[in-house]
Amino acid sequence: MRKETMKTILNGLFIGLLSLSLCSGMTFAAQRHKPTDTDKNAGKTVMITGCLEKGDEAGEYSIKDTNGKAYGLRSKSVKMADHLNHKVTVTGKVMQNDKEKEKEEHQHVDVTSLKMVSTSCK
């Protein structure tokens, strides 16, 4: 009788440890593949008002909204160079970051329209 009780206890411990390790592994995997804010917002249309500035790369511009959040701006159809250092409102779609750019602090927007608010950023 004692041998059967000990076997039952050991089986219960084994099943408990196995369940715990599976749950831990699944939690780790879920956290590893957690989508970034950019991934969640990819394709979303946004409207941003702020001062248009030159970006880090050729053909790229940047803007900060009223909350101080920075966006990288690109466009094939809108001429943004004419509005450097102007206060503007841009509308566009949030682009999904490339794997190599995932660590960037700001989202990139494909600008579809631009409206000048003021010739100065003040």
C-alpha atoms as a PDB file:
ATOM      1  CA  MET A   1       0.000   0.000   0.000  1.00  0.00           C
ATOM      2  CA  ARG A   2       2.800   2.377   0.859  1.00  0.00           C
ATOM      3  CA  LYS A   3       4.528   1.752  -2.456  1.00  0.00           C
ATOM      4  CA  GLU A   4       1.374   2.690  -4.395  1.00  0.00           C
ATOM      5  CA  THR A   5       0.918   5.890  -2.365  1.00  0.00           C
ATOM      6  CA  MET A   6       4.512   6.906  -3.004  1.00  0.00           C
ATOM      7  CA  LYS A   7       4.098   6.172  -6.721  1.00  0.00           C
ATOM      8  CA  THR A   8       0.936   8.312  -6.860  1.00  0.00           C
ATOM      9  CA  ILE A   9       2.692  11.209  -5.102  1.00  0.00           C
ATOM     10  CA  LEU A  10       5.681  11.027  -7.458  1.00  0.00           C
ATOM     11  CA  ASN A  11       3.389  10.910 -10.504  1.00  0.00           C
ATOM     12  CA  GLY A  12       1.518  13.966  -9.202  1.00  0.00           C
ATOM     13  CA  LEU A  13       4.801  15.853  -8.667  1.00  0.00           C
ATOM     14  CA  PHE A  14       6.017  14.901 -12.132  1.00  0.00           C
ATOM     15  CA  ILE A  15       2.795  16.091 -13.777  1.00  0.00           C
ATOM     16  CA  GLY A  16       2.885  19.337 -11.761  1.00  0.00           C
ATOM     17  CA  LEU A  17       6.488  20.064 -12.727  1.00  0.00           C
ATOM     18  CA  LEU A  18       5.783  19.241 -16.363  1.00  0.00           C
ATOM     19  CA  SER A  19       2.762  21.577 -16.403  1.00  0.00           C
ATOM     20  CA  LEU A  20       4.756  24.360 -14.752  1.00  0.00           C
ATOM     21  CA  SER A  21       7.594  24.081 -17.262  1.00  0.00           C
ATOM     22  CA  LEU A  22       5.190  24.076 -20.223  1.00  0.00           C
ATOM     23  CA  CYS A  23       3.379  27.176 -18.922  1.00  0.00           C
ATOM     24  CA  SER A  24       6.680  28.983 -18.330  1.00  0.00           C
ATOM     25  CA  GLY A  25       7.860  28.144 -21.835  1.00  0.00           C
ATOM     26  CA  MET A  26       4.635  29.364 -23.408  1.00  0.00           C
ATOM     27  CA  THR A  27       4.777  32.615 -21.407  1.00  0.00           C
ATOM     28  CA  PHE A  28       8.365  33.221 -22.517  1.00  0.00           C
ATOM     29  CA  ALA A  29       7.434  32.557 -26.164  1.00  0.00           C
ATOM     30  CA  ALA A  30       4.453  34.923 -25.961  1.00  0.00           C
ATOM     31  CA  GLN A  31       6.628  37.708 -24.549  1.00  0.00           C
ATOM     32  CA  ARG A  32       9.329  37.178 -27.159  1.00  0.00           C
ATOM     33  CA  HIS A  33       6.906  37.596 -30.031  1.00  0.00           C
ATOM     34  CA  LYS A  34       5.002  40.504 -28.516  1.00  0.00           C
ATOM     35  CA  PRO A  35       4.189  42.972 -31.313  1.00  0.00           C
ATOM     36  CA  THR A  36       5.712  46.426 -31.090  1.00  0.00           C
ATOM     37  CA  ASP A  37       3.564  49.560 -31.011  1.00  0.00           C
ATOM     38  CA  THR A  38       4.443  50.112 -34.641  1.00  0.00           C
ATOM     39  CA  ASP A  39       3.293  46.623 -35.601  1.00  0.00           C
ATOM     40  CA  LYS A  40      -0.010  47.166 -33.793  1.00  0.00           C
ATOM     41  CA  ASN A  41      -0.526  50.512 -35.534  1.00  0.00           C
ATOM     42  CA  ALA A  42       0.786  49.505 -38.976  1.00  0.00           C
ATOM     43  CA  GLY A  43      -1.627  50.627 -41.674  1.00  0.00           C
ATOM     44  CA  LYS A  44      -3.458  52.964 -39.305  1.00  0.00           C
ATOM     45  CA  THR A  45      -4.130  56.452 -40.692  1.00  0.00           C
ATOM     46  CA  VAL A  46      -2.778  59.233 -38.476  1.00  0.00           C
ATOM     47  CA  MET A  47      -2.908  63.033 -38.531  1.00  0.00           C
ATOM     48  CA  ILE A  48       0.032  64.861 -36.936  1.00  0.00           C
ATOM     49  CA  THR A  49       0.554  68.586 -36.449  1.00  0.00           C
ATOM     50  CA  GLY A  50       4.005  69.959 -35.677  1.00  0.00           C
ATOM     51  CA  CYS A  51       7.189  71.498 -37.032  1.00  0.00           C
ATOM     52  CA  LEU A  52       8.529  69.781 -40.158  1.00  0.00           C
ATOM     53  CA  GLU A  53      12.265  69.098 -39.927  1.00  0.00           C
ATOM     54  CA  LYS A  54      14.882  67.270 -41.978  1.00  0.00           C
ATOM     55  CA  GLY A  55      15.256  63.595 -41.095  1.00  0.00           C
ATOM     56  CA  ASP A  56      18.325  61.422 -40.586  1.00  0.00           C
ATOM     57  CA  GLU A  57      18.247  59.850 -44.052  1.00  0.00           C
ATOM     58  CA  ALA A  58      17.901  61.219 -47.569  1.00  0.00           C
ATOM     59  CA  GLY A  59      14.259  61.819 -48.450  1.00  0.00           C
ATOM     60  CA  GLU A  60      13.179  61.500 -44.822  1.00  0.00           C
ATOM     61  CA  TYR A  61      11.646  64.207 -42.653  1.00  0.00           C
ATOM     62  CA  SER A  62      10.603  64.278 -39.026  1.00  0.00           C
ATOM     63  CA  ILE A  63       7.867  65.860 -36.975  1.00  0.00           C
ATOM     64  CA  LYS A  64       6.958  65.956 -33.280  1.00  0.00           C
ATOM     65  CA  ASP A  65       3.341  66.125 -32.227  1.00  0.00           C
ATOM     66  CA  THR A  66       2.038  68.301 -29.389  1.00  0.00           C
ATOM     67  CA  ASN A  67       2.840  65.509 -26.903  1.00  0.00           C
ATOM     68  CA  GLY A  68       6.481  65.379 -28.036  1.00  0.00           C
ATOM     69  CA  LYS A  69       6.162  62.050 -29.846  1.00  0.00           C
ATOM     70  CA  ALA A  70       8.479  61.938 -32.884  1.00  0.00           C
ATOM     71  CA  TYR A  71       7.582  60.478 -36.275  1.00  0.00           C
ATOM     72  CA  GLY A  72       9.736  59.758 -39.315  1.00  0.00           C
ATOM     73  CA  LEU A  73       8.020  60.937 -42.483  1.00  0.00           C
ATOM     74  CA  ARG A  74       8.417  59.706 -46.058  1.00  0.00           C
ATOM     75  CA  SER A  75       6.368  60.250 -49.182  1.00  0.00           C
ATOM     76  CA  LYS A  76       6.553  59.563 -52.888  1.00  0.00           C
ATOM     77  CA  SER A  77       3.661  61.885 -53.704  1.00  0.00           C
ATOM     78  CA  VAL A  78       3.931  64.862 -51.310  1.00  0.00           C
ATOM     79  CA  LYS A  79       6.714  67.462 -51.642  1.00  0.00           C
ATOM     80  CA  MET A  80       7.719  68.117 -48.061  1.00  0.00           C
ATOM     81  CA  ALA A  81      10.983  69.968 -48.814  1.00  0.00           C
ATOM     82  CA  ASP A  82       9.025  73.150 -49.575  1.00  0.00           C
ATOM     83  CA  HIS A  83       7.706  73.175 -45.992  1.00  0.00           C
ATOM     84  CA  LEU A  84      10.869  72.685 -43.920  1.00  0.00           C
ATOM     85  CA  ASN A  85      10.656  74.577 -40.615  1.00  0.00           C
ATOM     86  CA  HIS A  86       6.953  75.280 -41.163  1.00  0.00           C
ATOM     87  CA  LYS A  87       4.180  74.203 -38.831  1.00  0.00           C
ATOM     88  CA  VAL A  88       2.200  71.633 -40.817  1.00  0.00           C
ATOM     89  CA  THR A  89      -0.458  68.976 -40.452  1.00  0.00           C
ATOM     90  CA  VAL A  90       0.384  65.730 -42.218  1.00  0.00           C
ATOM     91  CA  THR A  91      -1.897  62.776 -42.829  1.00  0.00           C
ATOM     92  CA  GLY A  92      -0.612  59.325 -43.666  1.00  0.00           C
ATOM     93  CA  LYS A  93      -0.399  55.668 -42.818  1.00  0.00           C
ATOM     94  CA  VAL A  94       1.867  54.176 -40.160  1.00  0.00           C
ATOM     95  CA  MET A  95       4.394  51.869 -41.803  1.00  0.00           C
ATOM     96  CA  GLN A  96       5.565  48.617 -40.258  1.00  0.00           C
ATOM     97  CA  ASN A  97       9.207  48.747 -39.169  1.00  0.00           C
ATOM     98  CA  ASP A  98      11.751  46.534 -40.848  1.00  0.00           C
ATOM     99  CA  LYS A  99      13.412  43.955 -38.587  1.00  0.00           C
ATOM    100  CA  GLU A 100      16.648  45.964 -38.537  1.00  0.00           C
ATOM    101  CA  LYS A 101      14.784  49.159 -37.563  1.00  0.00           C
ATOM    102  CA  GLU A 102      12.556  47.633 -34.855  1.00  0.00           C
ATOM    103  CA  LYS A 103      14.567  49.273 -32.094  1.00  0.00           C
ATOM    104  CA  GLU A 104      13.890  52.786 -33.375  1.00  0.00           C
ATOM    105  CA  GLU A 105      12.157  55.119 -30.986  1.00  0.00           C
ATOM    106  CA  HIS A 106       9.676  56.577 -33.447  1.00  0.00           C
ATOM    107  CA  GLN A 107       7.147  55.367 -35.946  1.00  0.00           C
ATOM    108  CA  HIS A 108       7.429  55.979 -39.659  1.00  0.00           C
ATOM    109  CA  VAL A 109       4.533  57.444 -41.592  1.00  0.00           C
ATOM    110  CA  ASP A 110       3.929  57.351 -45.342  1.00  0.00           C
ATOM    111  CA  VAL A 111       2.533  60.859 -45.875  1.00  0.00           C
ATOM    112  CA  THR A 112      -0.441  61.139 -48.236  1.00  0.00           C
ATOM    113  CA  SER A 113      -1.275  64.812 -47.644  1.00  0.00           C
ATOM    114  CA  LEU A 114       0.239  67.925 -46.092  1.00  0.00           C
ATOM    115  CA  LYS A 115      -1.420  71.178 -45.051  1.00  0.00           C
ATOM    116  CA  MET A 116       0.636  74.173 -43.982  1.00  0.00           C
ATOM    117  CA  VAL A 117      -0.590  75.711 -40.729  1.00  0.00           C
ATOM    118  CA  SER A 118       2.036  78.445 -40.389  1.00  0.00           C
ATOM    119  CA  THR A 119       5.317  79.540 -42.019  1.00  0.00           C
ATOM    120  CA  SER A 120       6.961  79.437 -38.583  1.00  0.00           C
ATOM    121  CA  CYS A 121       7.096  76.727 -35.960  1.00  0.00           C
ATOM    122  CA  LYS A 122       6.162  79.061 -33.083  1.00  0.00           C
END
